[in-house]
Protein backbone atom coordinates (compact mmCIF):
# COMPACT_ATOMS: atom_id res chain seq x y z
CA UNK A 1 -82.03 -201.11 38.81
CA UNK A 2 -78.23 -201.27 38.46
CA UNK A 3 -78.55 -202.20 34.77
CA UNK A 4 -80.84 -199.20 34.24
CA UNK A 5 -78.36 -196.87 35.96
CA UNK A 6 -75.47 -198.15 33.81
CA UNK A 7 -77.54 -197.60 30.67
CA UNK A 8 -78.41 -194.10 31.88
CA UNK A 9 -74.71 -193.27 32.39
CA UNK A 10 -73.90 -194.48 28.88
CA UNK A 11 -76.70 -192.39 27.36
CA UNK A 12 -75.53 -189.27 29.21
CA UNK A 13 -71.94 -189.92 28.08
CA UNK A 14 -72.87 -189.45 24.40
CA UNK A 15 -71.98 -185.90 23.46
CA UNK A 16 -74.15 -183.97 20.98
CA UNK A 17 -71.20 -182.08 19.43
CA UNK A 18 -69.80 -185.20 17.75
CA UNK A 19 -66.68 -185.46 19.91
CA UNK A 20 -67.63 -189.01 20.94
CA UNK A 21 -67.58 -190.07 17.26
CA UNK A 22 -64.32 -188.21 16.63
CA UNK A 23 -62.80 -189.73 19.78
CA UNK A 24 -63.81 -193.26 18.75
CA UNK A 25 -62.23 -192.73 15.34
CA UNK A 26 -59.08 -191.38 16.99
CA UNK A 27 -58.89 -194.45 19.23
CA UNK A 28 -59.23 -196.70 16.17
CA UNK A 29 -56.41 -194.82 14.40
CA UNK A 30 -54.19 -194.91 17.50
CA UNK A 31 -54.80 -198.65 18.00
CA UNK A 32 -53.91 -199.37 14.37
CA UNK A 33 -50.74 -197.26 14.69
CA UNK A 34 -49.67 -199.01 17.91
CA UNK A 35 -50.28 -202.46 16.41
CA UNK A 36 -48.74 -201.92 12.98
CA UNK A 37 -45.99 -199.37 13.59
CA UNK A 38 -45.02 -200.14 17.18
CA UNK A 39 -45.75 -203.88 17.31
CA UNK A 40 -48.07 -203.66 20.33
CA UNK A 41 -50.80 -206.21 20.94
CA UNK A 42 -54.13 -204.66 21.91
CA UNK A 43 -55.48 -206.42 25.02
CA UNK A 44 -58.59 -204.33 25.79
CA UNK A 45 -60.27 -201.26 24.33
CA UNK A 46 -62.32 -198.85 26.44
CA UNK A 47 -62.05 -200.74 29.73
CA UNK A 48 -64.33 -199.27 32.40
CA UNK A 49 -64.03 -199.72 36.12
CA UNK A 50 -67.08 -201.80 37.09
CA UNK A 51 -67.30 -199.89 40.39
CA UNK A 52 -67.12 -196.43 38.81
CA UNK A 53 -68.08 -196.25 35.12
CA UNK A 54 -66.56 -192.76 34.82
CA UNK A 55 -63.12 -194.35 35.06
CA UNK A 56 -62.05 -195.56 31.63
CA UNK A 57 -58.79 -196.74 30.08
CA UNK A 58 -58.81 -196.14 26.32
CA UNK A 59 -56.35 -198.89 25.37
CA UNK A 60 -54.57 -201.61 27.30
CA UNK A 61 -51.71 -203.05 25.23
CA UNK A 62 -48.73 -205.36 25.48
CA UNK A 63 -45.31 -204.20 24.37
CA UNK A 64 -43.43 -207.50 24.73
CA UNK A 65 -43.47 -208.15 28.51
CA UNK A 66 -44.69 -204.66 29.45
CA UNK A 67 -48.36 -203.90 30.01
CA UNK A 68 -49.07 -200.46 28.53
CA UNK A 69 -52.02 -198.25 29.44
CA UNK A 70 -52.72 -195.71 26.71
CA UNK A 71 -54.80 -192.55 26.90
CA UNK A 72 -55.83 -191.39 23.42
CA UNK A 73 -56.50 -187.72 22.73
CA UNK A 74 -57.88 -186.67 19.35
CA UNK A 75 -57.34 -183.04 18.45
CA UNK A 76 -57.69 -180.88 15.34
CA UNK A 77 -54.39 -179.48 14.09
CA UNK A 78 -55.47 -175.97 15.08
CA UNK A 79 -56.37 -176.91 18.69
CA UNK A 80 -55.11 -174.50 21.33
CA UNK A 81 -54.20 -177.25 23.80
CA UNK A 82 -52.29 -180.28 22.44
CA UNK A 83 -53.52 -183.71 23.52
CA UNK A 84 -50.47 -184.35 25.69
CA UNK A 85 -51.30 -181.35 27.88
CA UNK A 86 -55.02 -182.20 27.92
CA UNK A 87 -54.09 -185.10 30.21
CA UNK A 88 -54.02 -182.78 33.20
CA UNK A 89 -53.73 -183.43 36.94
CA UNK A 90 -57.45 -184.27 37.30
CA UNK A 91 -57.40 -186.70 34.36
CA UNK A 92 -54.23 -188.35 35.69
CA UNK A 93 -55.91 -188.88 39.06
CA UNK A 94 -58.84 -190.67 37.37
CA UNK A 95 -56.43 -192.74 35.26
CA UNK A 96 -54.35 -193.73 38.31
CA UNK A 97 -57.48 -195.02 40.01
CA UNK A 98 -58.71 -196.89 36.91
CA UNK A 99 -55.30 -198.47 36.25
CA UNK A 100 -54.91 -199.46 39.90
CA UNK A 101 -58.33 -201.16 39.80
CA UNK A 102 -57.47 -202.89 36.52
CA UNK A 103 -54.19 -204.20 37.94
CA UNK A 104 -55.76 -205.47 41.16
CA UNK A 105 -58.32 -207.48 39.16
CA UNK A 106 -55.68 -209.40 37.20
CA UNK A 107 -54.91 -212.94 38.33
CA UNK A 108 -51.36 -212.72 36.98
CA UNK A 109 -49.98 -209.23 37.40
CA UNK A 110 -47.32 -207.92 35.03
CA UNK A 111 -43.83 -207.32 36.36
CA UNK A 112 -43.71 -204.03 34.49
CA UNK A 113 -46.34 -201.57 33.29
CA UNK A 114 -46.30 -198.02 32.02
CA UNK A 115 -48.52 -195.19 30.84
CA UNK A 116 -48.42 -193.75 27.31
CA UNK A 117 -50.33 -190.98 25.57
CA UNK A 118 -51.29 -191.25 21.91
CA UNK A 119 -52.31 -187.94 20.37
CA UNK A 120 -54.18 -188.15 17.07
CA UNK A 121 -53.93 -184.86 15.17
CA UNK A 122 -56.58 -184.39 12.51
CA UNK A 123 -56.70 -181.98 9.60
CA UNK A 124 -59.11 -181.43 6.72
CA UNK A 125 -56.20 -181.38 4.25
CA UNK A 126 -53.87 -184.07 5.60
CA UNK A 127 -54.28 -187.64 6.85
CA UNK A 128 -54.38 -188.05 10.65
CA UNK A 129 -51.00 -188.03 12.39
CA UNK A 130 -50.27 -189.99 15.59
CA UNK A 131 -47.87 -188.53 18.16
CA UNK A 132 -46.89 -191.24 20.65
CA UNK A 133 -45.47 -190.32 24.06
CA UNK A 134 -44.05 -193.32 25.92
CA UNK A 135 -43.59 -193.76 29.66
CA UNK A 136 -45.40 -190.60 30.75
CA UNK A 137 -45.08 -190.09 34.54
CA UNK A 138 -48.29 -191.15 36.26
CA UNK A 139 -47.48 -193.13 39.40
CA UNK A 140 -45.13 -192.14 42.20
CA UNK A 141 -41.67 -193.72 42.22
CA UNK A 142 -41.71 -197.19 43.76
CA UNK A 143 -45.45 -197.71 43.24
CA UNK A 144 -46.59 -201.30 43.30
CA UNK A 145 -49.93 -203.07 43.60
CA UNK A 146 -50.56 -204.63 47.01
CA UNK A 147 -50.15 -208.38 46.99
CA UNK A 148 -47.66 -208.23 44.14
CA UNK A 149 -44.32 -209.84 44.80
């Protein structure tokens, strides 16, 4: 029954307007940019909270000793709301919960982690452009995972 429900959630998550395909392509472009231009190592793509499949982290990366959680937003150049601002209060709340769950499931927790936004801007005339925003505020000051020294 649980397997059926998970499959149902995945089937409902596919959007008929093609944004799921565009988003997947944007995540691929952002991951390539972070690896090649920024020197990040991709740890996980599209991690979902096993307790709540609506909670997803697009990319989990390593930037030397820092664990980096990246939200990718793909937008056309003429979009009214840039990707950075599309990560609103509600989305940040979901991301905080997903990241907290991810961190609590690690056997060895990182000393440092941060949240980044990668905005992929697409245009019919130009190649995609990645705008990378590092260390975007997400957690309150002094936040730490319980059980972490």
